[in-house]
Amino acid sequence: MKKIKVKSVLPVYLTALTWVVFAFFLSMYNYSHLLITAAVSVAVYFISSAFLIKGEVTVEEENSEQSEVY
C-alpha cells in the first residue's frame, strides 16, 4: 500500500468566492479595484492553503510483472 497526499480544492473555491463577493461591492472596471481584488484573492488562497487539512489516499501498488501485456 502506498499513501499519496492530496491537496484540497477548497482554496480555489474560496478564491473564486472572493472575486464574486468583491464584484458585488466594487466596480470591476476600475484598475485599483481589480488590483485590490487580486491582492485579497492571493492572500485568501495562501492563507486557506496553509490552514486547510491535506488528505491522504491509500493506493495499491501495481506489480510490474502483472501489468505487462503480451
C-alpha atoms as a PDB file:
ATOM      1  CA  MET A   1       0.000   0.000   0.000  1.00  0.00           C
ATOM      2  CA  LYS A   2       1.195   3.458  -0.867  1.00  0.00           C
ATOM      3  CA  LYS A   3      -0.047   6.716   0.679  1.00  0.00           C
ATOM      4  CA  ILE A   4      -0.430   9.759  -1.560  1.00  0.00           C
ATOM      5  CA  LYS A   5      -1.038  13.281  -0.208  1.00  0.00           C
ATOM      6  CA  VAL A   6      -3.856  15.123  -1.957  1.00  0.00           C
ATOM      7  CA  LYS A   7      -4.324  18.904  -1.860  1.00  0.00           C
ATOM      8  CA  SER A   8      -7.692  20.375  -1.026  1.00  0.00           C
ATOM      9  CA  VAL A   9      -9.744  22.137  -3.703  1.00  0.00           C
ATOM     10  CA  LEU A  10     -11.306  24.496  -1.172  1.00  0.00           C
ATOM     11  CA  PRO A  11      -8.649  27.279  -1.522  1.00  0.00           C
ATOM     12  CA  VAL A  12      -9.511  27.603  -5.219  1.00  0.00           C
ATOM     13  CA  TYR A  13     -13.236  27.812  -4.414  1.00  0.00           C
ATOM     14  CA  LEU A  14     -12.606  30.429  -1.720  1.00  0.00           C
ATOM     15  CA  THR A  15     -10.544  32.471  -4.179  1.00  0.00           C
ATOM     16  CA  ALA A  16     -13.388  32.367  -6.709  1.00  0.00           C
ATOM     17  CA  LEU A  17     -15.853  33.343  -3.986  1.00  0.00           C
ATOM     18  CA  THR A  18     -13.622  36.330  -3.164  1.00  0.00           C
ATOM     19  CA  TRP A  19     -13.940  37.563  -6.753  1.00  0.00           C
ATOM     20  CA  VAL A  20     -17.725  37.156  -6.693  1.00  0.00           C
ATOM     21  CA  VAL A  21     -18.120  38.999  -3.382  1.00  0.00           C
ATOM     22  CA  PHE A  22     -15.822  41.843  -4.424  1.00  0.00           C
ATOM     23  CA  ALA A  23     -17.653  42.141  -7.755  1.00  0.00           C
ATOM     24  CA  PHE A  24     -20.857  42.894  -5.840  1.00  0.00           C
ATOM     25  CA  PHE A  25     -19.293  45.724  -3.833  1.00  0.00           C
ATOM     26  CA  LEU A  26     -16.636  47.240  -6.122  1.00  0.00           C
ATOM     27  CA  SER A  27     -16.722  48.404  -9.714  1.00  0.00           C
ATOM     28  CA  MET A  28     -14.552  45.969 -11.624  1.00  0.00           C
ATOM     29  CA  TYR A  29     -13.789  48.380 -14.466  1.00  0.00           C
ATOM     30  CA  ASN A  30     -11.570  50.429 -12.157  1.00  0.00           C
ATOM     31  CA  TYR A  31      -7.917  49.250 -12.116  1.00  0.00           C
ATOM     32  CA  SER A  32      -7.426  49.953  -8.426  1.00  0.00           C
ATOM     33  CA  HIS A  33     -10.425  47.756  -7.557  1.00  0.00           C
ATOM     34  CA  LEU A  34      -9.068  44.979  -9.746  1.00  0.00           C
ATOM     35  CA  LEU A  35      -5.694  45.177  -8.014  1.00  0.00           C
ATOM     36  CA  ILE A  36      -7.315  45.156  -4.576  1.00  0.00           C
ATOM     37  CA  THR A  37      -9.405  42.116  -5.523  1.00  0.00           C
ATOM     38  CA  ALA A  38      -6.380  40.317  -6.947  1.00  0.00           C
ATOM     39  CA  ALA A  39      -4.288  41.018  -3.832  1.00  0.00           C
ATOM     40  CA  VAL A  40      -7.034  39.859  -1.484  1.00  0.00           C
ATOM     41  CA  SER A  41      -7.688  36.719  -3.527  1.00  0.00           C
ATOM     42  CA  VAL A  42      -3.983  35.789  -3.490  1.00  0.00           C
ATOM     43  CA  ALA A  43      -3.946  36.284   0.280  1.00  0.00           C
ATOM     44  CA  VAL A  44      -7.093  34.189   0.698  1.00  0.00           C
ATOM     45  CA  TYR A  45      -5.570  31.389  -1.393  1.00  0.00           C
ATOM     46  CA  PHE A  46      -2.312  31.202   0.545  1.00  0.00           C
ATOM     47  CA  ILE A  47      -3.912  31.562   3.974  1.00  0.00           C
ATOM     48  CA  SER A  48      -6.537  28.911   3.252  1.00  0.00           C
ATOM     49  CA  SER A  49      -3.891  26.600   1.749  1.00  0.00           C
ATOM     50  CA  ALA A  50      -1.821  26.883   4.911  1.00  0.00           C
ATOM     51  CA  PHE A  51      -4.665  26.115   7.312  1.00  0.00           C
ATOM     52  CA  LEU A  52      -6.717  23.513   5.479  1.00  0.00           C
ATOM     53  CA  ILE A  53      -6.002  19.864   6.117  1.00  0.00           C
ATOM     54  CA  LYS A  54      -4.487  17.931   3.255  1.00  0.00           C
ATOM     55  CA  GLY A  55      -5.877  14.462   2.736  1.00  0.00           C
ATOM     56  CA  GLU A  56      -4.138  11.143   2.277  1.00  0.00           C
ATOM     57  CA  VAL A  57      -5.289   8.432  -0.086  1.00  0.00           C
ATOM     58  CA  THR A  58      -4.128   4.836   0.165  1.00  0.00           C
ATOM     59  CA  VAL A  59      -3.440   3.234  -3.207  1.00  0.00           C
ATOM     60  CA  GLU A  60      -2.380  -0.281  -4.021  1.00  0.00           C
ATOM     61  CA  GLU A  61       0.928  -0.510  -5.856  1.00  0.00           C
ATOM     62  CA  GLU A  62       0.845  -2.196  -9.244  1.00  0.00           C
ATOM     63  CA  ASN A  63       3.090  -5.174  -9.740  1.00  0.00           C
ATOM     64  CA  SER A  64       5.206  -4.509 -12.835  1.00  0.00           C
ATOM     65  CA  GLU A  65       5.194  -8.188 -13.835  1.00  0.00           C
ATOM     66  CA  GLN A  66       1.399  -8.411 -13.822  1.00  0.00           C
ATOM     67  CA  SER A  67       0.792  -5.104 -15.589  1.00  0.00           C
ATOM     68  CA  GLU A  68       2.740  -6.058 -18.719  1.00  0.00           C
ATOM     69  CA  VAL A  69       0.576  -7.190 -21.602  1.00  0.00           C
ATOM     70  CA  TYR A  70       1.976  -9.631 -24.163  1.00  0.00           C
END
